[in-house]
Amino acid sequence: MTKKPIETNRAPAAIGPYCQAIVHGGWVYCSGQIALGPEDGQMVGGGDIEAETRQVLRNLDAVLQKAGTTRGDIVKATVYLADMDEFSKMNQVYGAFFEGLVPPARACVQVAVLPKGARVEIDFIATVED
């Protein structure tokens, strides 16, 4: 089996030595996304956790589509928050993203700092035909 890198211009380009996602063995492993706009790579949301979460999920959705899968195929998510006091606001946006679907298993942790001053970062693992 070979690893297939996934790259789309509908999500921000990687800001380090990694791919937006890798497809391997029937799975797509999405790298963590922060609220960067795909057009210019700049942070969006002005520090608002809800706006940042919406952008993060749009970015991940674009990566999933490029990989040939959908949000309904996500089996695992990890959410990294700069401040756990923002959990309920993030969770409201996150929940709407999975409305009508079986939500994936999830871990949520508070971290000391995220790249570019982000308030939230999320990564996904999903099933995919490869």
Protein backbone atom coordinates (compact mmCIF):
# COMPACT_ATOMS: atom_id res chain seq x y z
CA MET A 1 0.00 0.00 0.00
CA THR A 2 1.18 3.48 -0.79
CA LYS A 3 0.44 6.72 0.96
CA LYS A 4 -1.41 9.28 -1.16
CA PRO A 5 -0.95 12.92 -0.17
CA ILE A 6 -4.02 15.16 -0.36
CA GLU A 7 -3.67 18.85 -1.22
CA THR A 8 -6.42 21.30 -2.16
CA ASN A 9 -6.39 25.05 -2.69
CA ARG A 10 -9.82 25.18 -1.00
CA ALA A 11 -8.00 24.81 2.34
CA PRO A 12 -4.89 26.69 3.49
CA ALA A 13 -1.55 25.38 2.34
CA ALA A 14 0.52 23.53 4.94
CA ILE A 15 2.71 25.88 6.99
CA GLY A 16 5.31 23.21 7.66
CA PRO A 17 6.64 19.89 6.39
CA TYR A 18 3.32 18.03 6.26
CA CYS A 19 0.39 17.32 3.93
CA GLN A 20 -3.18 18.51 4.44
CA ALA A 21 -4.06 14.80 4.61
CA ILE A 22 -2.80 11.33 3.75
CA VAL A 23 -4.92 8.52 2.33
CA HIS A 24 -3.66 5.07 3.27
CA GLY A 25 -5.30 1.68 3.68
CA GLY A 26 -8.90 2.87 3.40
CA TRP A 27 -8.41 5.79 5.79
CA VAL A 28 -7.83 9.50 5.41
CA TYR A 29 -5.77 11.13 8.13
CA CYS A 30 -6.38 14.89 8.11
CA SER A 31 -3.73 17.14 9.59
CA GLY A 32 -4.90 19.59 12.20
CA GLN A 33 -6.44 22.75 10.78
CA ILE A 34 -6.55 26.18 12.35
CA ALA A 35 -8.65 29.12 11.15
CA LEU A 36 -6.49 30.14 8.21
CA GLY A 37 -8.24 31.43 5.13
CA PRO A 38 -7.39 29.33 2.07
CA GLU A 39 -7.00 32.40 -0.15
CA ASP A 40 -4.25 34.19 1.76
CA GLY A 41 -3.22 31.94 4.65
CA GLN A 42 -4.16 34.60 7.19
CA MET A 43 -6.06 33.94 10.42
CA VAL A 44 -9.78 34.66 10.25
CA GLY A 45 -12.28 35.21 13.04
CA GLY A 46 -10.46 37.90 14.98
CA GLY A 47 -10.05 35.61 18.00
CA ASP A 48 -13.75 34.67 18.09
CA ILE A 49 -13.92 30.94 18.90
CA GLU A 50 -17.15 30.38 16.96
CA ALA A 51 -15.84 32.06 13.80
CA GLU A 52 -12.55 30.21 14.11
CA THR A 53 -14.31 26.87 14.58
CA ARG A 54 -16.47 27.47 11.49
CA GLN A 55 -13.36 28.21 9.39
CA VAL A 56 -11.50 25.19 10.75
CA LEU A 57 -14.44 22.94 9.82
CA ARG A 58 -14.72 24.50 6.34
CA ASN A 59 -11.02 23.80 5.82
CA LEU A 60 -11.37 20.20 6.96
CA ASP A 61 -14.48 19.70 4.83
CA ALA A 62 -12.54 20.85 1.75
CA VAL A 63 -9.71 18.42 2.52
CA LEU A 64 -12.17 15.56 3.03
CA GLN A 65 -13.88 16.32 -0.29
CA LYS A 66 -10.53 16.35 -2.10
CA ALA A 67 -9.76 12.96 -0.51
CA GLY A 68 -13.06 11.57 -1.83
CA THR A 69 -14.93 11.28 1.44
CA THR A 70 -17.44 13.27 3.51
CA ARG A 71 -18.10 14.39 7.05
CA GLY A 72 -20.39 11.37 7.43
CA ASP A 73 -17.32 9.13 7.12
CA ILE A 74 -15.38 10.75 9.98
CA VAL A 75 -14.72 8.26 12.77
CA LYS A 76 -12.37 10.20 15.08
CA ALA A 77 -11.77 13.85 15.86
CA THR A 78 -9.34 15.60 18.14
CA VAL A 79 -10.06 19.16 19.24
CA TYR A 80 -7.33 21.34 20.73
CA LEU A 81 -8.47 24.46 22.59
CA ALA A 82 -6.36 27.34 23.84
CA ASP A 83 -8.97 27.91 26.58
CA MET A 84 -11.33 25.20 27.83
CA ASP A 85 -13.72 27.95 28.96
CA GLU A 86 -14.57 28.31 25.24
CA PHE A 87 -15.62 24.65 24.96
CA SER A 88 -19.38 25.25 24.88
CA LYS A 89 -19.15 27.85 22.09
CA MET A 90 -16.85 25.63 20.03
CA ASN A 91 -19.06 22.62 20.72
CA GLN A 92 -22.18 24.38 19.45
CA VAL A 93 -20.56 25.07 16.06
CA TYR A 94 -18.97 21.60 16.00
CA GLY A 95 -22.33 19.94 16.73
CA ALA A 96 -24.04 21.81 13.88
CA PHE A 97 -21.34 20.51 11.51
CA PHE A 98 -22.50 16.94 12.27
CA GLU A 99 -26.23 17.67 12.39
CA GLY A 100 -28.19 14.66 11.11
CA LEU A 101 -25.08 12.45 11.19
CA VAL A 102 -23.57 10.08 13.71
CA PRO A 103 -20.85 12.24 15.26
CA PRO A 104 -17.37 10.73 15.48
CA ALA A 105 -15.54 9.67 18.59
CA ARG A 106 -13.72 12.71 19.94
CA ALA A 107 -11.07 13.90 22.35
CA CYS A 108 -10.85 17.53 23.42
CA VAL A 109 -7.84 18.94 25.24
CA GLN A 110 -6.63 22.33 26.33
CA VAL A 111 -3.16 23.21 25.10
CA ALA A 112 -0.73 25.93 26.14
CA VAL A 113 -0.49 27.52 22.70
CA LEU A 114 -1.57 26.90 19.10
CA PRO A 115 0.11 28.08 15.90
CA LYS A 116 -0.48 31.70 14.86
CA GLY A 117 -2.41 32.46 18.05
CA ALA A 118 -5.32 30.22 17.05
CA ARG A 119 -8.03 29.50 19.63
CA VAL A 120 -8.90 26.06 18.19
CA GLU A 121 -7.32 23.32 16.06
CA ILE A 122 -9.13 20.18 14.90
CA ASP A 123 -7.99 17.03 13.09
CA PHE A 124 -10.04 14.16 11.67
CA ILE A 125 -9.65 10.51 10.72
CA ALA A 126 -12.22 9.22 8.21
CA THR A 127 -12.86 6.17 6.07
CA VAL A 128 -12.26 6.46 2.33
CA GLU A 129 -11.96 4.28 -0.75
CA ASP A 130 -8.33 4.31 -1.87
